[in-house]
Protein backbone atom coordinates (compact mmCIF):
# COMPACT_ATOMS: atom_id res chain seq x y z
CA UNK A 1 -4.89 1.91 -10.52
CA UNK A 2 -7.66 3.71 -8.96
CA UNK A 3 -6.59 6.44 -10.86
CA UNK A 4 -6.91 4.86 -13.99
CA UNK A 5 -10.38 3.46 -13.23
CA UNK A 6 -11.28 7.53 -12.88
CA UNK A 7 -9.78 8.72 -16.05
CA UNK A 8 -11.95 5.99 -17.90
CA UNK A 9 -14.95 6.82 -16.39
CA UNK A 10 -14.21 10.20 -17.60
CA UNK A 11 -13.41 9.03 -20.70
CA UNK A 12 -16.15 7.09 -21.03
CA UNK A 13 -18.42 9.91 -20.06
CA UNK A 14 -17.40 12.69 -22.50
CA UNK A 15 -19.08 13.27 -25.44
CA UNK A 16 -18.20 11.53 -28.85
CA UNK A 17 -16.70 14.19 -30.30
CA UNK A 18 -14.66 15.11 -27.86
CA UNK A 19 -13.74 11.35 -27.63
CA UNK A 20 -13.05 11.57 -31.54
CA UNK A 21 -10.69 14.52 -30.67
CA UNK A 22 -8.78 13.10 -28.16
CA UNK A 23 -8.04 10.42 -30.22
CA UNK A 24 -7.30 12.41 -33.60
CA UNK A 25 -5.22 14.58 -31.46
CA UNK A 26 -3.10 11.04 -29.95
CA UNK A 27 -2.57 9.72 -33.31
CA UNK A 28 -1.36 13.20 -34.46
CA UNK A 29 0.92 13.47 -31.32
CA UNK A 30 2.07 10.05 -32.43
CA UNK A 31 2.78 10.93 -35.85
CA UNK A 32 5.04 14.01 -34.70
CA UNK A 33 6.99 11.80 -32.35
CA UNK A 34 7.51 9.30 -34.99
CA UNK A 35 8.70 12.02 -37.16
CA UNK A 36 11.29 13.39 -34.83
CA UNK A 37 12.64 10.42 -34.28
CA UNK A 38 13.08 9.63 -37.86
CA UNK A 39 14.88 12.76 -38.16
CA UNK A 40 16.92 12.20 -35.51
CA UNK A 41 17.61 8.48 -36.98
CA UNK A 42 18.24 9.59 -40.48
CA UNK A 43 20.86 12.20 -39.25
CA UNK A 44 22.60 9.34 -37.51
CA UNK A 45 22.80 7.45 -40.06
CA UNK A 46 23.95 10.44 -42.44
CA UNK A 47 26.29 10.61 -39.82
CA UNK A 48 27.25 7.27 -39.70
CA UNK A 49 27.31 7.00 -43.79
CA UNK A 50 29.92 10.58 -43.16
CA UNK A 51 31.76 8.31 -40.48
CA UNK A 52 32.42 5.87 -42.85
CA UNK A 53 33.50 7.76 -45.93
CA UNK A 54 36.00 9.84 -43.11
CA UNK A 55 37.31 6.84 -41.50
CA UNK A 56 38.34 4.87 -44.94
CA UNK A 57 40.05 8.26 -46.49
CA UNK A 58 41.32 8.53 -43.01
CA UNK A 59 42.76 4.32 -42.67
CA UNK A 60 44.10 5.15 -45.98
CA UNK A 61 46.07 8.39 -45.62
CA UNK A 62 47.34 7.16 -42.61
CA UNK A 63 49.35 3.98 -44.24
CA UNK A 64 50.47 6.28 -47.04
CA UNK A 65 51.63 8.95 -44.52
CA UNK A 66 53.47 5.88 -42.64
CA UNK A 67 54.93 4.51 -45.74
CA UNK A 68 56.20 7.72 -46.65
CA UNK A 69 58.10 8.17 -43.35
CA UNK A 70 58.88 4.47 -43.88
CA UNK A 71 60.80 5.21 -47.49
CA UNK A 72 62.52 8.52 -45.61
CA UNK A 73 64.46 6.32 -43.22
CA UNK A 74 64.71 3.36 -46.18
CA UNK A 75 66.80 6.96 -47.36
CA UNK A 76 69.08 7.48 -44.33
CA UNK A 77 69.79 3.97 -44.57
CA UNK A 78 70.69 4.29 -47.86
CA UNK A 79 73.12 7.43 -47.42
CA UNK A 80 75.14 6.32 -43.85
CA UNK A 81 75.70 2.92 -45.20
CA UNK A 82 77.22 4.33 -48.99
CA UNK A 83 80.15 3.29 -49.92
CA UNK A 84 80.62 6.93 -51.56
CA UNK A 85 79.66 8.56 -48.51
CA UNK A 86 82.09 6.09 -46.25
CA UNK A 87 84.85 6.28 -48.03
CA UNK A 88 84.36 10.27 -48.34
CA UNK A 89 83.55 10.83 -45.10
CA UNK A 90 86.75 8.52 -44.07
CA UNK A 91 89.32 10.60 -46.27
CA UNK A 92 88.16 13.69 -44.30
CA UNK A 93 88.59 12.09 -40.99
CA UNK A 94 91.92 10.88 -42.03
CA UNK A 95 93.66 13.32 -43.95
CA UNK A 96 94.57 16.89 -43.85
CA UNK A 97 94.89 17.88 -47.72
CA UNK A 98 92.43 20.41 -48.71
CA UNK A 99 92.30 19.06 -51.73
CA UNK A 100 91.29 15.22 -50.76
CA UNK A 101 88.57 17.38 -48.27
CA UNK A 102 87.97 19.19 -51.41
CA UNK A 103 87.24 15.84 -53.87
CA UNK A 104 85.31 14.71 -50.94
CA UNK A 105 82.97 17.43 -50.47
CA UNK A 106 81.75 17.86 -54.19
CA UNK A 107 81.09 14.13 -53.81
CA UNK A 108 79.41 14.40 -50.99
CA UNK A 109 77.40 16.89 -52.20
CA UNK A 110 76.16 15.64 -55.28
CA UNK A 111 75.21 12.29 -53.52
CA UNK A 112 72.72 13.80 -51.12
CA UNK A 113 71.57 16.36 -54.09
CA UNK A 114 70.85 13.72 -56.29
CA UNK A 115 68.59 11.94 -53.48
CA UNK A 116 67.23 14.60 -52.14
CA UNK A 117 65.72 14.99 -55.37
CA UNK A 118 64.65 11.35 -56.12
CA UNK A 119 62.91 11.74 -52.13
CA UNK A 120 61.50 15.34 -53.24
CA UNK A 121 58.25 13.14 -53.87
CA UNK A 122 58.13 11.73 -50.16
CA UNK A 123 58.45 15.14 -48.83
CA UNK A 124 62.23 15.14 -48.32
CA UNK A 125 62.75 19.34 -48.33
CA UNK A 126 66.24 19.09 -47.42
CA UNK A 127 69.21 16.92 -46.41
CA UNK A 128 71.91 17.87 -44.24
CA UNK A 129 75.21 15.96 -43.00
CA UNK A 130 77.68 16.90 -40.19
CA UNK A 131 81.44 15.88 -40.61
CA UNK A 132 84.30 16.11 -38.12
CA UNK A 133 85.67 19.53 -39.74
CA UNK A 134 82.74 20.71 -42.42
CA UNK A 135 79.03 20.06 -43.28
CA UNK A 136 76.68 20.31 -46.48
CA UNK A 137 73.44 20.96 -47.38
CA UNK A 138 71.29 20.18 -49.86
CA UNK A 139 68.83 23.38 -49.42
CA UNK A 140 70.23 25.73 -47.00
CA UNK A 141 66.75 28.08 -46.89
CA UNK A 142 64.96 25.30 -45.28
CA UNK A 143 67.86 24.56 -43.04
CA UNK A 144 68.53 28.07 -41.76
CA UNK A 145 64.98 28.47 -41.50
CA UNK A 146 64.55 25.62 -39.04
CA UNK A 147 65.06 26.01 -35.23
CA UNK A 148 68.50 25.84 -34.22
CA UNK A 149 67.66 24.30 -30.61
CA UNK A 150 65.67 22.00 -32.22
CA UNK A 151 68.49 20.90 -35.34
CA UNK A 152 70.60 20.65 -32.36
CA UNK A 153 68.50 18.42 -30.30
CA UNK A 154 67.79 16.17 -33.07
CA UNK A 155 71.88 15.86 -33.41
CA UNK A 156 72.20 15.20 -29.84
CA UNK A 157 69.22 12.37 -29.97
CA UNK A 158 70.77 10.98 -32.65
CA UNK A 159 73.94 10.32 -30.80
CA UNK A 160 71.91 9.00 -27.72
CA UNK A 161 70.22 6.45 -30.59
CA UNK A 162 73.79 5.42 -31.30
CA UNK A 163 72.97 4.71 -35.04
CA UNK A 164 69.25 4.32 -35.22
CA UNK A 165 66.93 6.61 -36.58
CA UNK A 166 65.44 9.22 -34.08
CA UNK A 167 63.16 11.77 -34.83
CA UNK A 168 62.90 15.70 -34.11
CA UNK A 169 60.03 17.74 -34.63
CA UNK A 170 59.94 21.41 -35.58
CA UNK A 171 56.53 22.55 -35.14
CA UNK A 172 56.83 26.08 -35.59
CA UNK A 173 57.75 25.89 -39.36
CA UNK A 174 55.65 21.54 -39.81
CA UNK A 175 59.20 20.39 -40.24
CA UNK A 176 59.88 16.34 -39.11
CA UNK A 177 63.43 15.86 -38.30
CA UNK A 178 65.11 12.35 -39.09
CA UNK A 179 68.76 12.24 -37.08
CA UNK A 180 71.13 9.44 -37.89
CA UNK A 181 74.76 9.25 -36.52
CA UNK A 182 77.16 7.99 -39.51
CA UNK A 183 79.69 5.37 -38.43
CA UNK A 184 82.47 3.61 -39.93
CA UNK A 185 81.96 0.83 -41.31
CA UNK A 186 85.10 -0.49 -42.44
CA UNK A 187 86.83 -3.63 -40.12
CA UNK A 188 83.81 -2.84 -38.38
CA UNK A 189 85.21 -0.68 -36.89
CA UNK A 190 82.02 2.18 -35.45
CA UNK A 191 83.63 4.75 -34.80
CA UNK A 192 81.97 8.36 -35.51
CA UNK A 193 82.52 10.02 -39.05
CA UNK A 194 78.95 12.61 -38.63
CA UNK A 195 75.73 13.11 -38.45
CA UNK A 196 72.85 13.12 -41.26
CA UNK A 197 69.42 15.34 -41.04
CA UNK A 198 66.69 14.67 -43.38
CA UNK A 199 64.52 17.41 -43.28
CA UNK A 200 60.61 15.84 -44.11
CA UNK A 201 57.84 18.91 -45.02
CA UNK A 202 55.07 17.04 -42.77
CA UNK A 203 52.64 19.81 -44.68
CA UNK A 204 53.51 17.88 -47.90
CA UNK A 205 53.38 14.43 -46.68
CA UNK A 206 49.88 14.87 -45.10
CA UNK A 207 48.36 17.11 -48.13
CA UNK A 208 49.91 14.70 -50.52
CA UNK A 209 48.44 11.32 -48.41
CA UNK A 210 44.75 13.21 -48.90
CA UNK A 211 44.64 14.64 -51.76
CA UNK A 212 43.58 11.59 -53.95
CA UNK A 213 41.19 10.53 -51.50
CA UNK A 214 39.12 13.26 -49.51
CA UNK A 215 35.86 14.76 -50.67
CA UNK A 216 35.85 17.45 -48.92
CA UNK A 217 38.29 21.03 -49.50
CA UNK A 218 38.07 22.55 -45.76
CA UNK A 219 38.97 19.31 -44.11
CA UNK A 220 42.24 19.44 -41.13
CA UNK A 221 44.63 16.86 -40.04
CA UNK A 222 46.21 17.06 -36.83
CA UNK A 223 49.30 14.58 -35.54
CA UNK A 224 50.17 13.52 -32.16
CA UNK A 225 52.99 11.72 -31.04
CA UNK A 226 51.61 10.93 -27.59
CA UNK A 227 50.97 14.13 -25.88
CA UNK A 228 53.28 15.58 -28.48
CA UNK A 229 51.85 17.93 -31.03
CA UNK A 230 53.58 16.78 -34.15
CA UNK A 231 51.53 18.38 -37.02
CA UNK A 232 48.56 20.72 -37.43
CA UNK A 233 46.89 22.24 -40.26
CA UNK A 234 47.19 25.64 -41.33
CA UNK A 235 44.42 28.15 -39.36
CA UNK A 236 44.58 25.29 -36.06
CA UNK A 237 46.65 26.31 -33.34
CA UNK A 238 47.91 24.13 -30.46
CA UNK A 239 45.31 24.65 -27.90
CA UNK A 240 42.60 23.49 -30.40
CA UNK A 241 44.42 20.68 -31.05
CA UNK A 242 44.52 19.46 -27.97
CA UNK A 243 41.00 20.19 -27.24
CA UNK A 244 40.16 17.78 -30.21
CA UNK A 245 42.75 14.85 -29.23
CA UNK A 246 40.61 15.32 -25.46
CA UNK A 247 37.32 14.94 -27.48
CA UNK A 248 37.60 12.93 -29.84
CA UNK A 249 37.00 9.05 -28.89
CA UNK A 250 37.48 6.04 -31.07
CA UNK A 251 34.65 6.60 -33.12
CA UNK A 252 33.32 9.99 -34.56
CA UNK A 253 32.57 12.89 -32.42
CA UNK A 254 30.58 16.16 -33.19
CA UNK A 255 32.75 19.24 -31.72
CA UNK A 256 31.85 22.44 -30.76
CA UNK A 257 34.71 24.96 -30.27
CA UNK A 258 34.74 28.47 -29.76
CA UNK A 259 31.28 28.93 -31.52
CA UNK A 260 32.23 26.44 -34.49
CA UNK A 261 30.57 22.99 -35.33
CA UNK A 262 33.49 19.85 -36.34
CA UNK A 263 33.06 16.65 -37.28
CA UNK A 264 36.26 14.48 -35.92
CA UNK A 265 37.42 11.17 -36.54
CA UNK A 266 40.32 9.66 -34.86
CA UNK A 267 42.61 6.95 -36.19
CA UNK A 268 46.10 5.75 -35.62
CA UNK A 269 50.07 5.74 -37.86
CA UNK A 270 50.91 2.60 -38.67
CA UNK A 271 54.22 1.68 -37.38
CA UNK A 272 54.82 4.98 -35.10
CA UNK A 273 51.24 4.58 -32.84
CA UNK A 274 50.72 8.25 -33.56
CA UNK A 275 46.99 9.71 -32.99
CA UNK A 276 46.00 10.70 -36.28
CA UNK A 277 42.67 13.13 -36.48
CA UNK A 278 40.73 14.49 -39.48
CA UNK A 279 38.11 17.21 -38.95
CA UNK A 280 35.73 18.75 -41.34
CA UNK A 281 33.61 22.16 -40.18
CA UNK A 282 30.19 21.08 -39.57
CA UNK A 283 28.43 24.45 -39.02
CA UNK A 284 26.45 24.21 -41.99
CA UNK A 285 25.21 20.90 -41.83
CA UNK A 286 24.42 21.02 -38.54
CA UNK A 287 22.67 24.44 -38.60
CA UNK A 288 20.63 22.69 -41.77
CA UNK A 289 19.68 19.81 -39.68
CA UNK A 290 17.94 22.25 -37.03
CA UNK A 291 16.91 24.35 -39.48
CA UNK A 292 14.75 21.14 -40.91
CA UNK A 293 13.55 20.31 -36.75
CA UNK A 294 12.50 23.13 -36.45
CA UNK A 295 10.49 23.42 -40.35
CA UNK A 296 9.45 19.86 -39.89
CA UNK A 297 7.87 20.76 -36.45
CA UNK A 298 6.27 23.88 -37.52
CA UNK A 299 4.65 22.23 -40.60
CA UNK A 300 3.65 19.54 -38.34
CA UNK A 301 1.79 22.01 -35.21
CA UNK A 302 -0.09 23.78 -38.21
CA UNK A 303 -0.99 20.83 -39.87
CA UNK A 304 -2.06 19.61 -36.44
CA UNK A 305 -4.29 23.01 -35.97
CA UNK A 306 -5.83 22.86 -39.56
CA UNK A 307 -6.64 19.06 -39.63
CA UNK A 308 -8.27 19.74 -35.61
CA UNK A 309 -10.25 22.95 -37.12
CA UNK A 310 -11.25 20.38 -40.37
CA UNK A 311 -12.42 17.63 -38.19
CA UNK A 312 -14.45 19.35 -35.61
CA UNK A 313 -16.61 21.15 -38.31
CA UNK A 314 -16.91 17.28 -40.34
CA UNK A 315 -17.56 15.69 -36.45
CA UNK A 316 -20.60 18.32 -36.01
CA UNK A 317 -21.65 17.19 -39.86
CA UNK A 318 -21.56 13.52 -38.83
CA UNK A 319 -22.66 13.76 -35.62
CA UNK A 320 -26.33 15.70 -36.05
CA UNK A 321 -27.44 12.14 -37.70
CA UNK A 322 -26.79 10.72 -34.20
CA UNK A 323 -28.55 13.75 -32.49
CA UNK A 324 -32.35 13.28 -35.17
CA UNK A 325 -31.05 8.93 -34.32
CA UNK A 326 -31.18 9.95 -30.57
CA UNK A 327 -34.25 12.40 -30.84
CA UNK A 328 -36.44 9.95 -32.80
CA UNK A 329 -35.79 7.16 -29.90
CA UNK A 330 -36.55 9.41 -27.19
CA UNK A 331 -39.93 10.68 -28.75
CA UNK A 332 -40.46 6.67 -29.92
CA UNK A 333 -40.16 6.00 -26.17
CA UNK A 334 -41.94 8.83 -24.51
CA UNK A 335 -45.14 8.46 -26.70
CA UNK A 336 -47.72 5.67 -27.66
CA UNK A 337 -44.42 3.96 -29.69
CA UNK A 338 -45.02 6.99 -31.98
CA UNK A 339 -41.97 7.25 -34.82
CA UNK A 340 -41.19 11.20 -35.12
CA UNK A 341 -40.56 13.19 -38.01
CA UNK A 342 -37.00 14.74 -38.81
CA UNK A 343 -37.41 15.52 -42.25
CA UNK A 344 -34.35 13.52 -43.26
CA UNK A 345 -34.73 10.95 -45.92
CA UNK A 346 -32.33 8.34 -44.99
CA UNK A 347 -33.82 5.32 -46.93
CA UNK A 348 -31.25 6.01 -49.74
CA UNK A 349 -28.34 5.94 -47.64
CA UNK A 350 -26.10 2.65 -47.63
CA UNK A 351 -23.22 4.25 -44.36
CA UNK A 352 -23.62 2.99 -41.28
CA UNK A 353 -25.52 5.98 -39.47
CA UNK A 354 -28.16 5.62 -42.83
CA UNK A 355 -28.19 1.74 -41.91
CA UNK A 356 -28.87 2.67 -37.67
CA UNK A 357 -31.85 4.93 -39.11
CA UNK A 358 -32.77 2.20 -41.45
CA UNK A 359 -32.79 -0.56 -38.77
CA UNK A 360 -34.44 1.41 -35.69
CA UNK A 361 -37.23 2.10 -38.53
CA UNK A 362 -37.87 -0.92 -39.05
CA UNK A 363 -37.30 -2.27 -36.11
CA UNK A 364 -39.77 0.53 -34.65
CA UNK A 365 -42.52 -0.92 -37.03
CA UNK A 366 -42.19 -4.18 -36.17
CA UNK A 367 -42.79 -3.42 -32.41
CA UNK A 368 -45.83 -1.62 -33.30
CA UNK A 369 -46.95 -4.66 -35.52
CA UNK A 370 -46.01 -7.07 -32.68
CA UNK A 371 -47.70 -4.76 -30.05
CA UNK A 372 -50.96 -4.24 -32.16
CA UNK A 373 -51.08 -8.24 -32.91
CA UNK A 374 -50.48 -9.22 -28.79
CA UNK A 375 -54.24 -7.71 -28.40
CA UNK A 376 -55.67 -10.16 -31.21
CA UNK A 377 -53.38 -12.96 -29.96
CA UNK A 378 -54.89 -12.56 -25.92
CA UNK A 379 -57.99 -13.15 -27.50
CA UNK A 380 -57.47 -15.91 -29.64
CA UNK A 381 -55.25 -17.77 -27.39
CA UNK A 382 -58.27 -18.33 -25.31
CA UNK A 383 -60.09 -19.58 -28.12
CA UNK A 384 -56.95 -21.68 -28.98
CA UNK A 385 -56.50 -23.13 -25.70
CA UNK A 386 -60.85 -24.43 -25.58
CA UNK A 387 -60.45 -26.33 -29.09
CA UNK A 388 -57.09 -27.94 -28.08
CA UNK A 389 -59.09 -29.40 -25.87
CA UNK A 390 -61.67 -29.79 -27.73
CA UNK A 391 -59.01 -32.43 -30.19
CA UNK A 392 -57.58 -33.79 -27.86
CA UNK A 393 -60.52 -36.08 -27.92
CA UNK A 394 -60.43 -36.56 -31.73
CA UNK A 395 -57.07 -38.89 -32.22
CA UNK A 396 -58.45 -41.04 -29.66
CA UNK A 397 -62.20 -41.52 -31.73
CA UNK A 398 -60.04 -41.64 -34.85
CA UNK A 399 -57.58 -44.37 -33.67
CA UNK A 400 -60.37 -46.52 -32.27
CA UNK A 401 -62.72 -45.98 -35.54
CA UNK A 402 -59.42 -47.35 -37.77
CA UNK A 403 -58.99 -50.45 -35.51
CA UNK A 404 -62.47 -51.24 -36.04
CA UNK A 405 -62.25 -51.19 -39.95
CA UNK A 406 -59.34 -53.22 -39.51
CA UNK A 407 -60.45 -55.51 -37.23
CA UNK A 408 -63.59 -56.06 -39.97
CA UNK A 409 -60.78 -56.11 -42.57
CA UNK A 410 -59.55 -58.92 -41.26
CA UNK A 411 -62.64 -60.90 -40.74
CA UNK A 412 -63.50 -60.67 -44.24
CA UNK A 413 -60.13 -61.61 -45.08
CA UNK A 414 -59.18 -58.54 -47.26
CA UNK A 415 -55.69 -57.68 -46.36
CA UNK A 416 -55.18 -54.75 -49.07
CA UNK A 417 -57.74 -52.65 -47.06
CA UNK A 418 -56.12 -54.15 -43.58
CA UNK A 419 -52.91 -52.98 -44.94
CA UNK A 420 -54.41 -49.67 -46.23
CA UNK A 421 -55.87 -49.15 -42.66
CA UNK A 422 -52.90 -49.72 -40.44
CA UNK A 423 -50.98 -47.43 -42.97
CA UNK A 424 -52.83 -44.92 -42.47
CA UNK A 425 -53.31 -45.19 -38.89
CA UNK A 426 -48.94 -45.11 -38.29
CA UNK A 427 -49.59 -41.89 -40.84
CA UNK A 428 -52.04 -40.10 -38.64
CA UNK A 429 -49.84 -41.12 -34.97
CA UNK A 430 -46.79 -39.52 -36.86
CA UNK A 431 -48.39 -36.58 -38.04
CA UNK A 432 -51.13 -36.11 -34.22
CA UNK A 433 -48.78 -37.54 -31.56
CA UNK A 434 -45.55 -36.32 -32.66
CA UNK A 435 -44.45 -33.42 -30.61
CA UNK A 436 -40.41 -34.06 -31.31
CA UNK A 437 -38.54 -30.74 -33.21
CA UNK A 438 -36.12 -33.47 -35.03
CA UNK A 439 -36.90 -37.29 -35.44
CA UNK A 440 -34.47 -39.55 -37.04
CA UNK A 441 -34.42 -40.57 -40.71
CA UNK A 442 -35.11 -44.48 -39.53
CA UNK A 443 -38.48 -43.11 -38.40
CA UNK A 444 -39.31 -40.67 -40.86
CA UNK A 445 -38.33 -43.60 -43.45
CA UNK A 446 -40.94 -45.85 -41.83
CA UNK A 447 -43.48 -43.00 -42.60
CA UNK A 448 -42.65 -42.83 -45.90
CA UNK A 449 -42.88 -46.83 -46.80
CA UNK A 450 -46.39 -46.62 -44.55
CA UNK A 451 -47.36 -43.76 -47.09
CA UNK A 452 -46.03 -45.53 -50.45
CA UNK A 453 -47.52 -48.29 -49.21
CA UNK A 454 -50.98 -46.88 -49.82
CA UNK A 455 -50.48 -45.53 -52.91
CA UNK A 456 -48.73 -48.90 -54.44
CA UNK A 457 -51.86 -50.35 -53.24
CA UNK A 458 -53.99 -47.88 -55.39
CA UNK A 459 -51.62 -47.93 -58.71
CA UNK A 460 -50.69 -51.61 -58.35
CA UNK A 461 -47.96 -52.36 -60.95
CA UNK A 462 -47.77 -49.62 -61.81
CA UNK A 463 -45.78 -47.71 -59.34
CA UNK A 464 -41.91 -48.65 -58.20
CA UNK A 465 -41.25 -47.62 -55.44
CA UNK A 466 -37.29 -47.51 -54.31
CA UNK A 467 -34.96 -46.23 -51.05
CA UNK A 468 -31.60 -45.93 -50.79
CA UNK A 469 -30.61 -45.24 -47.12
CA UNK A 470 -27.23 -47.06 -45.51
CA UNK A 471 -27.98 -48.26 -41.85
CA UNK A 472 -25.18 -45.84 -40.64
CA UNK A 473 -27.82 -42.63 -41.79
CA UNK A 474 -30.81 -43.95 -39.69
CA UNK A 475 -30.03 -42.48 -36.64
CA UNK A 476 -29.32 -38.83 -39.19
CA UNK A 477 -32.34 -36.41 -37.75
CA UNK A 478 -34.41 -34.63 -39.71
CA UNK A 479 -37.73 -32.27 -39.20
CA UNK A 480 -40.32 -34.45 -39.35
CA UNK A 481 -43.04 -34.72 -42.25
CA UNK A 482 -40.63 -33.28 -44.40
CA UNK A 483 -40.50 -36.50 -46.85
CA UNK A 484 -43.82 -37.55 -47.09
CA UNK A 485 -45.06 -34.25 -49.05
CA UNK A 486 -42.57 -34.55 -51.65
CA UNK A 487 -43.50 -38.08 -52.32
CA UNK A 488 -47.07 -37.14 -52.23
CA UNK A 489 -45.86 -34.44 -54.77
CA UNK A 490 -43.98 -37.45 -56.64
CA UNK A 491 -47.22 -39.45 -56.94
CA UNK A 492 -48.97 -36.55 -57.95
CA UNK A 493 -46.86 -35.34 -60.50
CA UNK A 494 -45.91 -38.66 -61.86
CA UNK A 495 -48.23 -40.97 -61.52
CA UNK A 496 -51.11 -39.26 -62.87
CA UNK A 497 -49.54 -37.85 -65.62
CA UNK A 498 -48.02 -41.15 -66.95
CA UNK A 499 -50.13 -43.88 -68.20
CA UNK A 500 -46.87 -46.09 -68.11
CA UNK A 501 -44.98 -47.63 -65.40
CA UNK A 502 -43.31 -45.06 -62.88
CA UNK A 503 -40.52 -45.14 -60.58
CA UNK A 504 -39.89 -43.22 -57.82
CA UNK A 505 -37.10 -43.31 -55.34
CA UNK A 506 -35.93 -42.08 -52.26
CA UNK A 507 -31.84 -41.72 -51.35
CA UNK A 508 -30.19 -40.24 -48.44
CA UNK A 509 -26.57 -39.60 -48.29
CA UNK A 510 -23.98 -37.90 -46.57
CA UNK A 511 -21.14 -35.44 -47.55
CA UNK A 512 -18.64 -34.05 -45.48
CA UNK A 513 -21.17 -32.19 -42.57
CA UNK A 514 -24.50 -32.11 -44.89
CA UNK A 515 -26.90 -34.81 -45.02
CA UNK A 516 -28.89 -34.74 -48.88
CA UNK A 517 -32.08 -36.40 -49.36
CA UNK A 518 -33.27 -36.73 -52.70
CA UNK A 519 -36.90 -37.64 -54.08
CA UNK A 520 -36.98 -38.53 -57.80
CA UNK A 521 -39.83 -39.18 -60.44
CA UNK A 522 -40.52 -39.81 -63.43
CA UNK A 523 -42.63 -38.43 -65.99
CA UNK A 524 -43.04 -34.76 -65.06
CA UNK A 525 -39.88 -31.89 -64.49
CA UNK A 526 -39.49 -28.62 -62.33
CA UNK A 527 -40.30 -25.30 -63.61
CA UNK A 528 -37.07 -22.81 -63.10
CA UNK A 529 -37.05 -21.09 -59.44
CA UNK A 530 -39.97 -22.88 -58.84
CA UNK A 531 -39.80 -22.05 -55.12
CA UNK A 532 -39.75 -18.02 -55.72
CA UNK A 533 -42.73 -18.65 -58.14
CA UNK A 534 -45.08 -20.33 -55.69
CA UNK A 535 -43.65 -17.91 -52.81
CA UNK A 536 -44.82 -14.44 -54.61
CA UNK A 537 -47.75 -16.27 -56.30
CA UNK A 538 -46.50 -16.45 -60.07
CA UNK A 539 -46.82 -19.72 -59.62
CA UNK A 540 -50.64 -20.94 -58.33
CA UNK A 541 -50.24 -24.58 -56.18
CA UNK A 542 -52.04 -27.03 -57.37
CA UNK A 543 -52.89 -29.37 -54.06
CA UNK A 544 -50.15 -29.54 -52.32
CA UNK A 545 -47.69 -26.41 -53.69
CA UNK A 546 -48.05 -24.71 -50.53
CA UNK A 547 -46.48 -27.60 -48.68
CA UNK A 548 -43.50 -27.61 -50.58
CA UNK A 549 -42.57 -23.76 -49.41
CA UNK A 550 -43.79 -24.71 -46.06
CA UNK A 551 -40.82 -27.48 -45.97
CA UNK A 552 -38.43 -25.10 -47.42
CA UNK A 553 -39.31 -22.49 -44.80
CA UNK A 554 -39.79 -24.26 -41.68
CA UNK A 555 -35.71 -26.28 -43.00
CA UNK A 556 -34.60 -22.38 -43.28
CA UNK A 557 -36.38 -21.24 -39.56
CA UNK A 558 -34.68 -24.50 -37.81
CA UNK A 559 -31.67 -24.48 -39.72
CA UNK A 560 -30.30 -21.42 -41.23
CA UNK A 561 -30.77 -19.29 -44.68
CA UNK A 562 -27.71 -21.87 -46.01
CA UNK A 563 -30.05 -24.63 -45.97
CA UNK A 564 -33.39 -25.99 -47.23
CA UNK A 565 -35.45 -27.47 -50.50
CA UNK A 566 -34.23 -27.72 -54.36
CA UNK A 567 -35.36 -28.74 -57.43
CA UNK A 568 -33.39 -29.78 -60.47
CA UNK A 569 -33.99 -31.62 -63.45
CA UNK A 570 -31.85 -34.73 -64.47
CA UNK A 571 -32.36 -36.60 -67.03
CA UNK A 572 -35.69 -37.51 -67.35
CA UNK A 573 -36.54 -37.81 -63.73
CA UNK A 574 -37.45 -34.90 -61.71
CA UNK A 575 -35.59 -34.51 -58.45
CA UNK A 576 -36.31 -32.83 -55.02
CA UNK A 577 -33.42 -32.05 -52.60
CA UNK A 578 -33.24 -31.45 -49.45
CA UNK A 579 -30.11 -30.35 -47.94
CA UNK A 580 -30.02 -30.23 -43.90
CA UNK A 581 -26.96 -29.93 -41.35
CA UNK A 582 -25.71 -34.05 -40.32
CA UNK A 583 -26.48 -34.60 -36.48
CA UNK A 584 -27.32 -38.26 -34.78
CA UNK A 585 -29.45 -38.67 -32.13
CA UNK A 586 -27.36 -39.03 -29.08
């Protein structure tokens, strides 16, 4: 943990350029690692696809080989049980007549020759039938070339099997010999009549079985009966075949032997439980894969070096702007808050660096302005405190004067003057005495009613004032003195522009999280973008225009830029709308 803390501290103290170099280098190394892993995965995926293709072919060919050997076994059963063979061998066994032997010899030769031709496509290259006195052979070349010891062993194996099939391998000639004992079938005597040998060309069987399915011309095949080697393709010696058998598992294996690489797949011949191995020279593929690895690695290293060179130059170009910003900060703090002249204009830049310079310049100018104003405020604050002490006397004098006028009006029984004085007193108390930043809607509505009471006495029946506010909204909070100026504006532009009756309305509603206050009046309309014109001086305020801007700015300063005052014209009415967030008094 301590080492991690030290490494983090060292990293934090590095320059921005070194930090960026470390980040970029780490990303490039990660990409390099991912690419190499992807190559390995793709290579494995290719090997898997190759395995599926070879394994499928091997499965099909193994079944074909097993079927072919089964056909040969069927042929042997046909021959030994044939009535022609049985009768001919019986006559040879029971007679000493040379003519009978000659006729029987001719029958046997014709019979086995016809079947040898019929099963030639199944790899049957020769058939030999030995009786007690002579033998018949369909292809003397094949039989004579076969190892004599192997032939004798085949006959012995057949007699040991006592009629069952016995297979013997002549590996040196790629022959697989089926041997069966022929016994007398007449009356189930089962006496010995002769021996049948069928010579099978394993090379032809394997080649034909794979000719239709293999997609590789240089494939090799190996057959093992348990630990006994039965067959190998040309050019594969027994030692190499044993190496393949020992290094080939259930799935595929890549075997390296005597400077060469092979892709080997293993299967089993059905019914015979032979080990069947198919191998493909993998030298070219392995060499191509290795070269691809090295080439991509070299390209990535070259790309890394180029990227780092380009990145260093680009980083220096970017960091010079940061260096200028640091110089500006140091100069600003070390002098009398003066901005240095860098000679570079960042006012037109829209990137992050340009915005940093712009914000710093703005902040520095505001600090200068605040510092300058601070001296003036210090001088004015004393005068303001003195005037504040004096102003505390004025409200009490004003309230006492209004109470005296109200008492005199009641004494003279003038109800209108009394109502106006009481409403004016309420307005003054709300204006001068309230110190809360927010007031309830009920409080603000009472203030509005007090103001409108004075105006109704002034305009009598010409003024109609209507309010709509659900009792549930009485506890909603609003800035003080926001509704009364709007009513004052409505009276000024509604009543003074009309000679007929004017209706002024005040409605309060809630829409989700918004509290909406609307003040409407007849007889006037609002100009488009009235607030903007009042702010920039395009529209000159007549009497109360500054009050509208004041309301809008106070709402935005307190609640945020998304709230405030807006205007609209709805039919024949001008409507002022206040939007503030809905809050209630806790």
